[in-house]
Amino acid sequence: MSVNEVKNKPAPFELEVRGTGHPGSRTFAIGDEDHTIGNSLRHVLMQNSKIDFCGYSVPHPSEPVVHVRLQTAKNKNGKDGDDGRSRAVDVLKEACETLIAQCDIVIDQVEDLMPEVKQDRINIEDVQRDEGFDGADGADDAEMEDFEEMIDGNEEY
């Protein structure tokens, strides 16, 4: 181990949904992640017109957790007593799907330019499949359903 390597303990959770009040405002604590996913999700979320505010933080470098805070925008078409804001959980799901699609586009372009990268991916998927890993080719429908159940199960109202 080099001087700069630090072995962090795994996070005690995969995902926690934090916050009370209006379901359009939540903080998502994502375990075993860092600035890479935090900034990527923040960027995708800020491109969405349903978002009024989005930011992320890593509370401490030795904690493998990133917090993504988002607040959805009020919809002017809301009915009386209803501000028409989208649920933060739903908007996060959309952002994750968008980010996955963007990553797939980049991977496809890299594989078109560098065929050896595609062969490496195929080899890795073969090994994962042989060792019994499901979804070796990336996020599949079952993994997305698991993610949605995890988010829905962590909601606090």
Protein backbone atom coordinates (compact mmCIF):
# COMPACT_ATOMS: atom_id res chain seq x y z
CA MET A 1 0.00 0.00 0.00
CA SER A 2 1.34 3.40 -0.94
CA VAL A 3 1.43 6.39 1.36
CA ASN A 4 -1.59 7.95 -0.32
CA GLU A 5 -3.76 4.83 -0.23
CA VAL A 6 -6.29 4.66 2.54
CA LYS A 7 -8.52 1.70 3.20
CA ASN A 8 -11.96 3.01 4.03
CA LYS A 9 -14.52 0.85 5.73
CA PRO A 10 -17.59 0.19 3.60
CA ALA A 11 -20.56 2.44 4.22
CA PRO A 12 -23.17 1.03 6.62
CA PHE A 13 -25.88 1.54 3.95
CA GLU A 14 -26.34 1.66 0.16
CA LEU A 15 -28.92 4.43 0.11
CA GLU A 16 -30.77 6.50 2.68
CA VAL A 17 -33.49 8.98 1.87
CA ARG A 18 -33.40 11.80 4.40
CA GLY A 19 -35.78 14.62 5.03
CA THR A 20 -39.31 15.35 6.11
CA GLY A 21 -41.94 17.71 4.87
CA HIS A 22 -42.78 18.13 1.23
CA PRO A 23 -41.73 15.06 -0.82
CA GLY A 24 -40.19 17.42 -3.38
CA SER A 25 -37.26 18.13 -1.04
CA ARG A 26 -34.97 15.30 0.01
CA THR A 27 -31.35 14.46 0.69
CA PHE A 28 -30.11 11.14 -0.65
CA ALA A 29 -27.15 9.62 1.18
CA ILE A 30 -25.48 7.17 -1.20
CA GLY A 31 -23.03 4.74 0.37
CA ASP A 32 -19.70 3.63 -1.10
CA GLU A 33 -19.65 6.51 -3.57
CA ASP A 34 -17.73 9.75 -3.94
CA HIS A 35 -17.46 12.96 -5.99
CA THR A 36 -17.70 11.04 -9.28
CA ILE A 37 -21.32 10.02 -8.85
CA GLY A 38 -22.21 13.12 -6.83
CA ASN A 39 -21.09 15.60 -9.47
CA SER A 40 -22.45 13.48 -12.34
CA LEU A 41 -25.91 13.26 -10.76
CA ARG A 42 -25.86 16.95 -9.84
CA HIS A 43 -25.03 17.86 -13.44
CA VAL A 44 -27.83 15.69 -14.90
CA LEU A 45 -30.34 16.92 -12.32
CA MET A 46 -29.57 20.58 -12.96
CA GLN A 47 -30.40 20.08 -16.66
CA ASN A 48 -33.95 19.10 -15.64
CA SER A 49 -36.53 21.89 -15.60
CA LYS A 50 -38.30 20.18 -12.67
CA ILE A 51 -35.33 20.98 -10.39
CA ASP A 52 -35.12 24.21 -8.43
CA PHE A 53 -31.96 23.31 -6.47
CA CYS A 54 -29.47 20.48 -6.48
CA GLY A 55 -26.13 20.10 -4.76
CA TYR A 56 -23.93 17.38 -3.40
CA SER A 57 -21.34 17.00 -0.69
CA VAL A 58 -18.94 14.44 0.65
CA PRO A 59 -19.10 14.98 4.42
CA HIS A 60 -15.59 13.70 5.09
CA PRO A 61 -12.92 12.15 2.82
CA SER A 62 -12.63 9.08 5.04
CA GLU A 63 -16.38 8.38 4.88
CA PRO A 64 -17.45 6.57 1.70
CA VAL A 65 -20.72 8.52 1.42
CA VAL A 66 -22.00 11.26 -0.85
CA HIS A 67 -25.06 13.37 -0.05
CA VAL A 68 -27.17 14.61 -2.96
CA ARG A 69 -29.70 17.27 -1.99
CA LEU A 70 -32.46 18.24 -4.37
CA GLN A 71 -35.55 20.39 -4.34
CA THR A 72 -38.08 20.28 -7.12
CA ALA A 73 -39.54 23.44 -8.66
CA LYS A 74 -43.10 24.58 -8.20
CA ASN A 75 -45.34 23.98 -11.19
CA LYS A 76 -47.47 26.97 -12.13
CA ASN A 77 -50.17 24.59 -13.37
CA GLY A 78 -50.77 23.14 -9.90
CA LYS A 79 -54.34 22.96 -8.60
CA ASP A 80 -55.60 24.82 -5.53
CA GLY A 81 -53.60 23.67 -2.51
CA ASP A 82 -51.23 21.71 -4.74
CA ASP A 83 -48.02 23.35 -5.87
CA GLY A 84 -47.54 20.68 -8.55
CA ARG A 85 -44.00 19.82 -7.44
CA SER A 86 -42.63 16.46 -8.52
CA ARG A 87 -41.45 14.01 -5.87
CA ALA A 88 -37.68 14.17 -5.39
CA VAL A 89 -37.48 10.37 -5.52
CA ASP A 90 -39.09 10.27 -8.97
CA VAL A 91 -36.81 12.98 -10.33
CA LEU A 92 -33.73 11.15 -8.97
CA LYS A 93 -34.87 7.94 -10.71
CA GLU A 94 -35.17 9.85 -13.99
CA ALA A 95 -31.71 11.34 -13.51
CA CYS A 96 -30.19 7.90 -12.87
CA GLU A 97 -31.79 6.53 -16.03
CA THR A 98 -30.49 9.53 -18.01
CA LEU A 99 -26.98 9.09 -16.59
CA ILE A 100 -27.00 5.38 -17.45
CA ALA A 101 -28.08 6.19 -21.02
CA GLN A 102 -25.34 8.82 -21.35
CA CYS A 103 -22.71 6.37 -20.10
CA ASP A 104 -23.92 3.76 -22.60
CA ILE A 105 -23.51 6.29 -25.43
CA VAL A 106 -19.94 7.08 -24.36
CA ILE A 107 -19.06 3.39 -24.03
CA ASP A 108 -20.48 2.66 -27.49
CA GLN A 109 -18.45 5.50 -29.02
CA VAL A 110 -15.24 4.37 -27.31
CA GLU A 111 -15.82 0.78 -28.43
CA ASP A 112 -16.39 1.94 -32.02
CA LEU A 113 -13.06 3.78 -32.01
CA MET A 114 -11.14 1.15 -30.06
CA PRO A 115 -12.30 -2.42 -30.81
CA GLU A 116 -9.95 -3.83 -28.16
CA VAL A 117 -12.03 -2.08 -25.48
CA LYS A 118 -15.13 -3.88 -26.72
CA GLN A 119 -13.31 -7.20 -26.63
CA ASP A 120 -12.14 -6.50 -23.06
CA ARG A 121 -15.74 -5.77 -22.01
CA ILE A 122 -16.94 -8.99 -23.64
CA ASN A 123 -14.20 -10.96 -21.85
CA ILE A 124 -15.11 -9.41 -18.50
CA GLU A 125 -18.80 -10.15 -19.04
CA ASP A 126 -17.95 -13.78 -19.88
CA VAL A 127 -15.93 -14.14 -16.69
CA GLN A 128 -18.68 -12.53 -14.61
CA ARG A 129 -21.30 -14.77 -16.18
CA ASP A 130 -19.14 -17.86 -15.53
CA GLU A 131 -18.76 -16.82 -11.89
CA GLY A 132 -22.51 -16.36 -11.49
CA PHE A 133 -22.84 -12.57 -11.52
CA ASP A 134 -26.13 -11.32 -12.96
CA GLY A 135 -26.33 -8.20 -15.08
CA ALA A 136 -22.74 -8.47 -16.31
CA ASP A 137 -23.55 -6.12 -19.16
CA GLY A 138 -24.44 -3.15 -16.98
CA ALA A 139 -27.63 -2.01 -15.29
CA ASP A 140 -30.50 -4.20 -16.45
CA ASP A 141 -34.21 -3.97 -15.71
CA ALA A 142 -33.93 -6.11 -12.57
CA GLU A 143 -31.19 -3.88 -11.15
CA MET A 144 -33.26 -0.77 -11.88
CA GLU A 145 -36.26 -2.36 -10.14
CA ASP A 146 -34.05 -3.15 -7.12
CA PHE A 147 -32.89 0.48 -7.09
CA GLU A 148 -36.48 1.75 -7.26
CA GLU A 149 -37.55 -0.58 -4.43
CA MET A 150 -34.58 0.59 -2.35
CA ILE A 151 -35.55 4.24 -2.86
CA ASP A 152 -39.25 3.62 -2.24
CA GLY A 153 -38.45 1.58 0.90
CA ASN A 154 -36.34 4.40 2.35
CA GLU A 155 -38.84 7.21 1.89
CA GLU A 156 -39.99 9.11 4.94
CA TYR A 157 -43.22 11.09 4.86
